[in-house]
Amino acid sequence: MNWSSFSRGVFLVNLLGIVWNPKTKKVLIGKREKDPHIPALTWCFPGGRPRYGKSLEKELAHQIQLKTGIRVRVGNVFFARTHPEKKEFLSIYFHCTPIGGKLKAGELFVDAKWVSPRDVKKHFTTNMHPIVWKDMQQLGKKK
């Protein structure tokens, strides 16, 4: 598909979970290697593209479990964005809470770990939107 022929309104949707563990006060991130769409991408929030005919929340929970082994309760959308470097991508961010499972890297992830919100940005090799970074700072302040 020639994406440059569209000036707006056609997107590949990517769901992302900000998985916050209130007990440990850490956020879940995963590491990808050799991403075919964004070569600079390494550490990221878990998620993926939804399948047709499924709810976005169930799809996100499924993708997070496949990639990290962690089962989650998906909360509300808190942010959505397009990407200047890949204009066809639309990322939708949800707050999530872990409800079980065992941490292990799975589908497309070579590693997964829990990190403090203040350390998330240190791991990312791609641009983190200021709204997402502000959310990380707010999580770090939660008691």
C-alpha atoms as a PDB file:
ATOM      1  CA  MET A   1       0.000   0.000   0.000  1.00  0.00           C
ATOM      2  CA  ASN A   2       1.303   3.449  -0.845  1.00  0.00           C
ATOM      3  CA  TRP A   3       0.857   5.265   2.469  1.00  0.00           C
ATOM      4  CA  SER A   4       2.162   8.530   1.049  1.00  0.00           C
ATOM      5  CA  SER A   5      -0.979   8.843  -1.072  1.00  0.00           C
ATOM      6  CA  PHE A   6      -3.088   9.304   2.081  1.00  0.00           C
ATOM      7  CA  SER A   7      -2.990  12.604   3.926  1.00  0.00           C
ATOM      8  CA  ARG A   8      -5.106  11.360   6.864  1.00  0.00           C
ATOM      9  CA  GLY A   9      -7.386   8.697   8.275  1.00  0.00           C
ATOM     10  CA  VAL A  10      -5.732   5.355   7.400  1.00  0.00           C
ATOM     11  CA  PHE A  11      -3.842   3.683  10.255  1.00  0.00           C
ATOM     12  CA  LEU A  12      -2.291   0.488  11.534  1.00  0.00           C
ATOM     13  CA  VAL A  13      -3.549   0.314  15.121  1.00  0.00           C
ATOM     14  CA  ASN A  14      -1.176  -0.720  17.873  1.00  0.00           C
ATOM     15  CA  LEU A  15      -2.442  -1.240  21.431  1.00  0.00           C
ATOM     16  CA  LEU A  16       0.025  -0.612  24.262  1.00  0.00           C
ATOM     17  CA  GLY A  17      -0.324  -1.433  27.937  1.00  0.00           C
ATOM     18  CA  ILE A  18       1.219   0.637  30.694  1.00  0.00           C
ATOM     19  CA  VAL A  19       1.258  -2.218  33.209  1.00  0.00           C
ATOM     20  CA  TRP A  20       1.699  -0.726  36.674  1.00  0.00           C
ATOM     21  CA  ASN A  21       2.250  -3.004  39.659  1.00  0.00           C
ATOM     22  CA  PRO A  22       1.160  -0.991  42.734  1.00  0.00           C
ATOM     23  CA  LYS A  23       2.790  -3.520  45.111  1.00  0.00           C
ATOM     24  CA  THR A  24       6.283  -3.267  43.639  1.00  0.00           C
ATOM     25  CA  LYS A  25       5.793   0.238  42.179  1.00  0.00           C
ATOM     26  CA  LYS A  26       7.205  -0.896  38.846  1.00  0.00           C
ATOM     27  CA  VAL A  27       6.186  -0.785  35.181  1.00  0.00           C
ATOM     28  CA  LEU A  28       6.427  -3.698  32.737  1.00  0.00           C
ATOM     29  CA  ILE A  29       8.543  -3.294  29.596  1.00  0.00           C
ATOM     30  CA  GLY A  30       9.731  -5.714  26.921  1.00  0.00           C
ATOM     31  CA  LYS A  31      12.680  -5.816  24.567  1.00  0.00           C
ATOM     32  CA  ARG A  32      12.408  -6.418  20.842  1.00  0.00           C
ATOM     33  CA  GLU A  33      15.254  -7.029  18.453  1.00  0.00           C
ATOM     34  CA  LYS A  34      15.298  -6.144  14.794  1.00  0.00           C
ATOM     35  CA  ASP A  35      11.837  -4.626  14.600  1.00  0.00           C
ATOM     36  CA  PRO A  36      10.922  -4.649  10.881  1.00  0.00           C
ATOM     37  CA  HIS A  37       8.919  -1.406  11.073  1.00  0.00           C
ATOM     38  CA  ILE A  38      11.008   0.734  13.432  1.00  0.00           C
ATOM     39  CA  PRO A  39      14.639  -0.476  13.381  1.00  0.00           C
ATOM     40  CA  ALA A  40      15.658   1.776  16.309  1.00  0.00           C
ATOM     41  CA  LEU A  41      13.022   0.198  18.593  1.00  0.00           C
ATOM     42  CA  THR A  42      14.340  -1.929  21.456  1.00  0.00           C
ATOM     43  CA  TRP A  43      12.572  -1.629  24.818  1.00  0.00           C
ATOM     44  CA  CYS A  44       8.875  -0.804  24.645  1.00  0.00           C
ATOM     45  CA  PHE A  45       5.571  -1.220  26.413  1.00  0.00           C
ATOM     46  CA  PRO A  46       3.899  -4.559  25.700  1.00  0.00           C
ATOM     47  CA  GLY A  47       0.996  -4.789  23.306  1.00  0.00           C
ATOM     48  CA  GLY A  48       0.270  -5.423  19.665  1.00  0.00           C
ATOM     49  CA  ARG A  49      -2.154  -5.075  16.809  1.00  0.00           C
ATOM     50  CA  PRO A  50      -5.736  -6.184  17.474  1.00  0.00           C
ATOM     51  CA  ARG A  51      -7.486  -8.903  15.517  1.00  0.00           C
ATOM     52  CA  TYR A  52     -10.702  -8.047  13.716  1.00  0.00           C
ATOM     53  CA  GLY A  53     -13.940  -8.697  15.578  1.00  0.00           C
ATOM     54  CA  LYS A  54     -12.416  -8.700  19.073  1.00  0.00           C
ATOM     55  CA  SER A  55     -12.594  -6.062  21.797  1.00  0.00           C
ATOM     56  CA  LEU A  56      -9.514  -3.903  22.076  1.00  0.00           C
ATOM     57  CA  GLU A  57      -9.245  -4.605  25.807  1.00  0.00           C
ATOM     58  CA  LYS A  58      -9.321  -8.403  25.379  1.00  0.00           C
ATOM     59  CA  GLU A  59      -6.853  -8.194  22.515  1.00  0.00           C
ATOM     60  CA  LEU A  60      -4.443  -6.099  24.552  1.00  0.00           C
ATOM     61  CA  ALA A  61      -4.659  -8.467  27.528  1.00  0.00           C
ATOM     62  CA  HIS A  62      -3.993 -11.393  25.173  1.00  0.00           C
ATOM     63  CA  GLN A  63      -0.995  -9.684  23.530  1.00  0.00           C
ATOM     64  CA  ILE A  64       0.555  -8.736  26.882  1.00  0.00           C
ATOM     65  CA  GLN A  65       0.248 -12.298  28.152  1.00  0.00           C
ATOM     66  CA  LEU A  66       1.749 -13.720  24.923  1.00  0.00           C
ATOM     67  CA  LYS A  67       4.717 -11.363  25.065  1.00  0.00           C
ATOM     68  CA  THR A  68       5.425 -11.280  28.813  1.00  0.00           C
ATOM     69  CA  GLY A  69       3.601 -14.145  30.546  1.00  0.00           C
ATOM     70  CA  ILE A  70       1.746 -11.607  32.706  1.00  0.00           C
ATOM     71  CA  ARG A  71      -2.062 -11.618  32.877  1.00  0.00           C
ATOM     72  CA  VAL A  72      -3.565  -8.139  33.196  1.00  0.00           C
ATOM     73  CA  ARG A  73      -6.771  -6.281  33.833  1.00  0.00           C
ATOM     74  CA  VAL A  74      -7.033  -3.622  31.142  1.00  0.00           C
ATOM     75  CA  GLY A  75      -8.277  -0.242  32.305  1.00  0.00           C
ATOM     76  CA  ASN A  76      -9.068   2.926  30.432  1.00  0.00           C
ATOM     77  CA  VAL A  77      -7.411   4.471  27.420  1.00  0.00           C
ATOM     78  CA  PHE A  78      -5.319   7.388  28.633  1.00  0.00           C
ATOM     79  CA  PHE A  79      -3.615   8.489  25.429  1.00  0.00           C
ATOM     80  CA  ALA A  80      -3.515   7.899  21.664  1.00  0.00           C
ATOM     81  CA  ARG A  81      -1.003   9.170  19.152  1.00  0.00           C
ATOM     82  CA  THR A  82       0.219   9.040  15.604  1.00  0.00           C
ATOM     83  CA  HIS A  83       3.939   8.881  14.857  1.00  0.00           C
ATOM     84  CA  PRO A  84       5.777  11.417  12.703  1.00  0.00           C
ATOM     85  CA  GLU A  85       8.396   8.807  11.762  1.00  0.00           C
ATOM     86  CA  LYS A  86       5.739   6.246  10.697  1.00  0.00           C
ATOM     87  CA  LYS A  87       2.606   8.209   9.830  1.00  0.00           C
ATOM     88  CA  GLU A  88       0.526   5.057   9.278  1.00  0.00           C
ATOM     89  CA  PHE A  89       0.890   3.966  12.949  1.00  0.00           C
ATOM     90  CA  LEU A  90      -1.739   4.841  15.545  1.00  0.00           C
ATOM     91  CA  SER A  91      -0.811   3.832  19.086  1.00  0.00           C
ATOM     92  CA  ILE A  92      -3.485   3.611  21.778  1.00  0.00           C
ATOM     93  CA  TYR A  93      -2.225   3.466  25.368  1.00  0.00           C
ATOM     94  CA  PHE A  94      -4.195   1.773  28.150  1.00  0.00           C
ATOM     95  CA  HIS A  95      -3.511   1.623  31.871  1.00  0.00           C
ATOM     96  CA  CYS A  96      -3.286  -2.002  33.016  1.00  0.00           C
ATOM     97  CA  THR A  97      -2.859  -3.851  36.312  1.00  0.00           C
ATOM     98  CA  PRO A  98      -1.212  -7.276  36.672  1.00  0.00           C
ATOM     99  CA  ILE A  99      -3.506 -10.023  37.992  1.00  0.00           C
ATOM    100  CA  GLY A 100      -1.250 -13.072  37.683  1.00  0.00           C
ATOM    101  CA  GLY A 101       1.156 -15.039  35.565  1.00  0.00           C
ATOM    102  CA  LYS A 102       4.914 -15.478  35.577  1.00  0.00           C
ATOM    103  CA  LEU A 103       7.262 -13.047  33.857  1.00  0.00           C
ATOM    104  CA  LYS A 104       8.906 -14.539  30.770  1.00  0.00           C
ATOM    105  CA  ALA A 105       9.743 -13.142  27.358  1.00  0.00           C
ATOM    106  CA  GLY A 106       7.459 -14.495  24.663  1.00  0.00           C
ATOM    107  CA  GLU A 107       6.239 -13.683  21.157  1.00  0.00           C
ATOM    108  CA  LEU A 108       8.548 -11.049  19.576  1.00  0.00           C
ATOM    109  CA  PHE A 109      10.184 -10.180  22.930  1.00  0.00           C
ATOM    110  CA  VAL A 110      13.681 -11.379  23.768  1.00  0.00           C
ATOM    111  CA  ASP A 111      13.450 -10.004  27.314  1.00  0.00           C
ATOM    112  CA  ALA A 112      10.840  -8.591  29.680  1.00  0.00           C
ATOM    113  CA  LYS A 113      11.278  -6.903  33.029  1.00  0.00           C
ATOM    114  CA  TRP A 114       9.788  -4.654  35.659  1.00  0.00           C
ATOM    115  CA  VAL A 115      11.433  -1.238  36.080  1.00  0.00           C
ATOM    116  CA  SER A 116      10.763   1.843  38.156  1.00  0.00           C
ATOM    117  CA  PRO A 117       8.831   4.522  36.264  1.00  0.00           C
ATOM    118  CA  ARG A 118      11.792   6.933  36.489  1.00  0.00           C
ATOM    119  CA  ASP A 119      14.003   4.347  34.714  1.00  0.00           C
ATOM    120  CA  VAL A 120      11.644   3.573  31.821  1.00  0.00           C
ATOM    121  CA  LYS A 121      12.981   6.351  29.605  1.00  0.00           C
ATOM    122  CA  LYS A 122      16.579   5.141  30.134  1.00  0.00           C
ATOM    123  CA  HIS A 123      15.694   1.876  28.386  1.00  0.00           C
ATOM    124  CA  PHE A 124      13.849   3.314  25.401  1.00  0.00           C
ATOM    125  CA  THR A 125      15.781   3.999  22.192  1.00  0.00           C
ATOM    126  CA  THR A 126      12.841   5.635  20.437  1.00  0.00           C
ATOM    127  CA  ASN A 127      10.986   8.843  21.183  1.00  0.00           C
ATOM    128  CA  MET A 128       8.665   8.738  24.200  1.00  0.00           C
ATOM    129  CA  HIS A 129       5.809  11.193  23.876  1.00  0.00           C
ATOM    130  CA  PRO A 130       5.793  13.833  26.656  1.00  0.00           C
ATOM    131  CA  ILE A 131       2.313  12.744  27.797  1.00  0.00           C
ATOM    132  CA  VAL A 132       3.518   9.158  28.293  1.00  0.00           C
ATOM    133  CA  TRP A 133       6.630  10.393  30.120  1.00  0.00           C
ATOM    134  CA  LYS A 134       4.426  12.571  32.364  1.00  0.00           C
ATOM    135  CA  ASP A 135       2.331   9.475  33.118  1.00  0.00           C
ATOM    136  CA  MET A 136       5.516   7.608  34.131  1.00  0.00           C
ATOM    137  CA  GLN A 137       6.416  10.440  36.502  1.00  0.00           C
ATOM    138  CA  GLN A 138       2.926  10.365  38.045  1.00  0.00           C
ATOM    139  CA  LEU A 139       3.141   6.610  38.562  1.00  0.00           C
ATOM    140  CA  GLY A 140       6.495   7.084  40.285  1.00  0.00           C
ATOM    141  CA  LYS A 141       4.839   9.420  42.787  1.00  0.00           C
ATOM    142  CA  LYS A 142       2.025   7.009  43.703  1.00  0.00           C
ATOM    143  CA  LYS A 143       2.154   5.607  47.223  1.00  0.00           C
END
